[in-house]
Amino acid sequence: LQMKAPPPPLDQQVDFVVAAYDKSMLCNAMSVAAKLRAAGAVVDMQMEPKKKVGQTFDYANRIGARFLAFVAPGEWVKNEVRIKDLRMEDKDANQKDVSIDKLADWRTVF
C-alpha cells in the first residue's frame, strides 16, 4: 500500500458550549442547545456537569468556543440563560442574562 499524507485539519468553529449548573438542569440545557442549533449556532453540549465552573471554562477555551451558555436555576426561573463571551477583553461587559425567547438572536447579544 502506498502511504498518503493525512488530510489537512478541518477548520471547525464552535460558537457555544452549553453547560448545566447541575444534573437537575441538564434537560433545560439540552433545550437551550437545541434552540441555539435551530438558530444556526454550532453547539457543543456538555453532558456531564462539572464540579467547578472553571473546568467548564477551561474546556470551552480548549475547543475554541466563542460563547458559554450557562443554564442555572437562578436565571432559569426568570426565563433566562447566562451567556458569556469568552473572547471579549472587557470583563465587566462579557456576560449577559439573555431571555430564552431571544436565543434565536444570539449573534446580536454582544
Foldseek 3Di string as FASTA:
>chain_A
DDDDDDDDDDPDAAAEEEAEQAPVCQVVSVVLQVLLVVLPGRYHYDNHHDPDVVVVLVVCVVVHYQKYWYHYPVLVVVQWIKIAGNPDPPPVPGIDTGHSVCSSVVVPPD
